[in-house]
Amino acid sequence: MKTFAESLGRPKFDWNEFLTRLEYEYIDIAQAKGLAADWVTCACGNQCEVIPRTDFGTPEDSVLAYLGQEFYYSISDLYFDLKDDVSFTRLYMSQCKARILLNQIEERSGILINRIYNERINITGTGDTNQVDQ
Protein backbone atom coordinates (compact mmCIF):
# COMPACT_ATOMS: atom_id res chain seq x y z
CA MET A 1 0.00 0.00 0.00
CA LYS A 2 1.10 3.53 -0.70
CA THR A 3 1.02 6.34 1.78
CA PHE A 4 -1.11 9.37 0.99
CA ALA A 5 2.09 11.36 0.38
CA GLU A 6 3.41 8.77 -2.07
CA SER A 7 0.08 8.65 -3.91
CA LEU A 8 0.58 12.37 -4.67
CA GLY A 9 4.19 11.88 -5.78
CA ARG A 10 5.70 13.18 -2.54
CA PRO A 11 8.42 11.26 -0.74
CA LYS A 12 7.49 9.52 2.44
CA PHE A 13 9.18 10.78 5.60
CA ASP A 14 10.24 8.36 8.33
CA TRP A 15 8.77 10.05 11.40
CA ASN A 16 9.64 7.07 13.61
CA GLU A 17 13.32 7.36 12.75
CA PHE A 18 13.26 11.11 13.16
CA LEU A 19 11.67 10.93 16.60
CA THR A 20 14.16 8.40 17.93
CA ARG A 21 17.23 10.49 17.18
CA LEU A 22 19.41 11.41 20.13
CA GLU A 23 20.47 14.75 18.65
CA TYR A 24 19.01 17.19 16.17
CA GLU A 25 20.47 19.84 13.95
CA TYR A 26 18.45 23.02 13.64
CA ILE A 27 17.99 22.45 9.88
CA ASP A 28 16.52 18.97 10.52
CA ILE A 29 13.95 20.30 12.95
CA ALA A 30 13.08 23.17 10.61
CA GLN A 31 12.51 20.69 7.76
CA ALA A 32 10.41 18.44 9.99
CA LYS A 33 8.31 21.41 11.14
CA GLY A 34 7.61 22.26 7.50
CA LEU A 35 6.63 18.67 6.73
CA ALA A 36 4.42 18.46 9.81
CA ALA A 37 2.61 21.65 8.75
CA ASP A 38 1.39 20.05 5.50
CA TRP A 39 -1.39 17.43 5.66
CA VAL A 40 0.23 15.58 2.76
CA THR A 41 3.62 15.12 4.44
CA CYS A 42 2.68 15.16 8.12
CA ALA A 43 2.33 12.02 10.21
CA CYS A 44 -1.23 11.60 8.90
CA GLY A 45 -0.07 11.97 5.30
CA ASN A 46 2.41 9.17 5.85
CA GLN A 47 -0.45 6.76 6.53
CA CYS A 48 -2.29 4.68 3.94
CA GLU A 49 -3.86 6.49 1.00
CA VAL A 50 -7.24 4.75 1.48
CA ILE A 51 -8.06 6.90 4.51
CA PRO A 52 -10.73 9.41 3.38
CA ARG A 53 -9.46 12.99 3.19
CA THR A 54 -10.65 16.45 2.20
CA ASP A 55 -9.31 18.30 -0.84
CA PHE A 56 -6.61 19.78 1.41
CA GLY A 57 -5.52 16.34 2.60
CA THR A 58 -7.04 16.69 6.05
CA PRO A 59 -8.33 13.35 7.30
CA GLU A 60 -12.13 13.30 7.32
CA ASP A 61 -12.02 11.40 10.61
CA SER A 62 -12.15 14.05 13.34
CA VAL A 63 -10.06 12.01 15.79
CA LEU A 64 -7.27 11.50 13.27
CA ALA A 65 -7.39 15.16 12.24
CA TYR A 66 -7.14 16.24 15.88
CA LEU A 67 -4.17 13.95 16.46
CA GLY A 68 -2.51 15.36 13.35
CA GLN A 69 -2.90 18.92 14.61
CA GLU A 70 -1.48 17.98 17.99
CA PHE A 71 1.41 16.23 16.26
CA TYR A 72 2.23 19.44 14.39
CA TYR A 73 2.21 21.36 17.68
CA SER A 74 4.57 18.84 19.25
CA ILE A 75 7.00 19.13 16.32
CA SER A 76 6.75 22.92 16.65
CA ASP A 77 7.62 22.57 20.33
CA LEU A 78 10.73 20.60 19.35
CA TYR A 79 11.64 23.35 16.90
CA PHE A 80 11.27 26.14 19.44
CA ASP A 81 12.94 24.13 22.20
CA LEU A 82 16.02 23.66 20.04
CA LYS A 83 15.94 27.24 18.77
CA ASP A 84 15.66 28.64 22.30
CA ASP A 85 18.36 26.27 23.57
CA VAL A 86 16.21 24.94 26.39
CA SER A 87 17.21 22.14 28.72
CA PHE A 88 17.69 18.63 27.44
CA THR A 89 14.81 17.49 29.65
CA ARG A 90 12.33 19.83 27.98
CA LEU A 91 13.56 18.85 24.52
CA TYR A 92 13.22 15.17 25.47
CA MET A 93 9.68 15.74 26.77
CA SER A 94 8.66 17.39 23.49
CA GLN A 95 10.16 14.45 21.60
CA CYS A 96 8.28 11.95 23.79
CA LYS A 97 4.99 13.80 23.25
CA ALA A 98 5.50 13.65 19.48
CA ARG A 99 6.30 9.93 19.65
CA ILE A 100 3.14 9.23 21.66
CA LEU A 101 1.05 11.19 19.17
CA LEU A 102 2.65 9.38 16.24
CA ASN A 103 1.76 6.05 17.85
CA GLN A 104 -1.82 7.24 18.35
CA ILE A 105 -2.00 8.38 14.71
CA GLU A 106 -0.76 4.99 13.53
CA GLU A 107 -3.21 3.17 15.81
CA ARG A 108 -6.18 5.29 14.70
CA SER A 109 -5.16 4.90 11.05
CA GLY A 110 -5.08 1.13 11.51
CA ILE A 111 -8.60 1.18 12.91
CA LEU A 112 -9.85 3.25 9.97
CA ILE A 113 -8.09 1.07 7.40
CA ASN A 114 -9.55 -2.09 8.95
CA ARG A 115 -13.03 -0.54 8.84
CA ILE A 116 -12.59 0.33 5.17
CA TYR A 117 -11.38 -3.17 4.31
CA ASN A 118 -14.20 -4.79 6.28
CA GLU A 119 -16.82 -2.57 4.63
CA ARG A 120 -15.50 -3.40 1.17
CA ILE A 121 -15.36 -7.09 1.95
CA ASN A 122 -18.98 -6.93 3.11
CA ILE A 123 -20.00 -5.05 -0.05
CA THR A 124 -18.11 -7.25 -2.51
CA GLY A 125 -18.53 -10.49 -0.60
CA THR A 126 -14.90 -11.36 -1.29
CA GLY A 127 -11.65 -11.03 0.55
CA ASP A 128 -10.09 -9.22 -2.42
CA THR A 129 -8.45 -6.20 -0.76
CA ASN A 130 -7.11 -5.02 -4.12
CA GLN A 131 -10.54 -3.51 -4.70
CA VAL A 132 -9.79 -1.09 -1.85
CA ASP A 133 -7.16 0.66 -3.96
CA GLN A 134 -9.58 1.32 -6.83
Foldseek 3Di string as FASTA:
>chain_A
DAFQLVVVVHDADDVVVVLPDPDDDLVVLVVLLVQLVQLCHRLNVRAHNLQDADPSNQGPPPVLNVLSVVLSVLSVQLNVCVVVVHDPVSNNVSSVSNVVSSVVNRVVSVVRVVVLQVVVCVVVVDNPCVVSVD
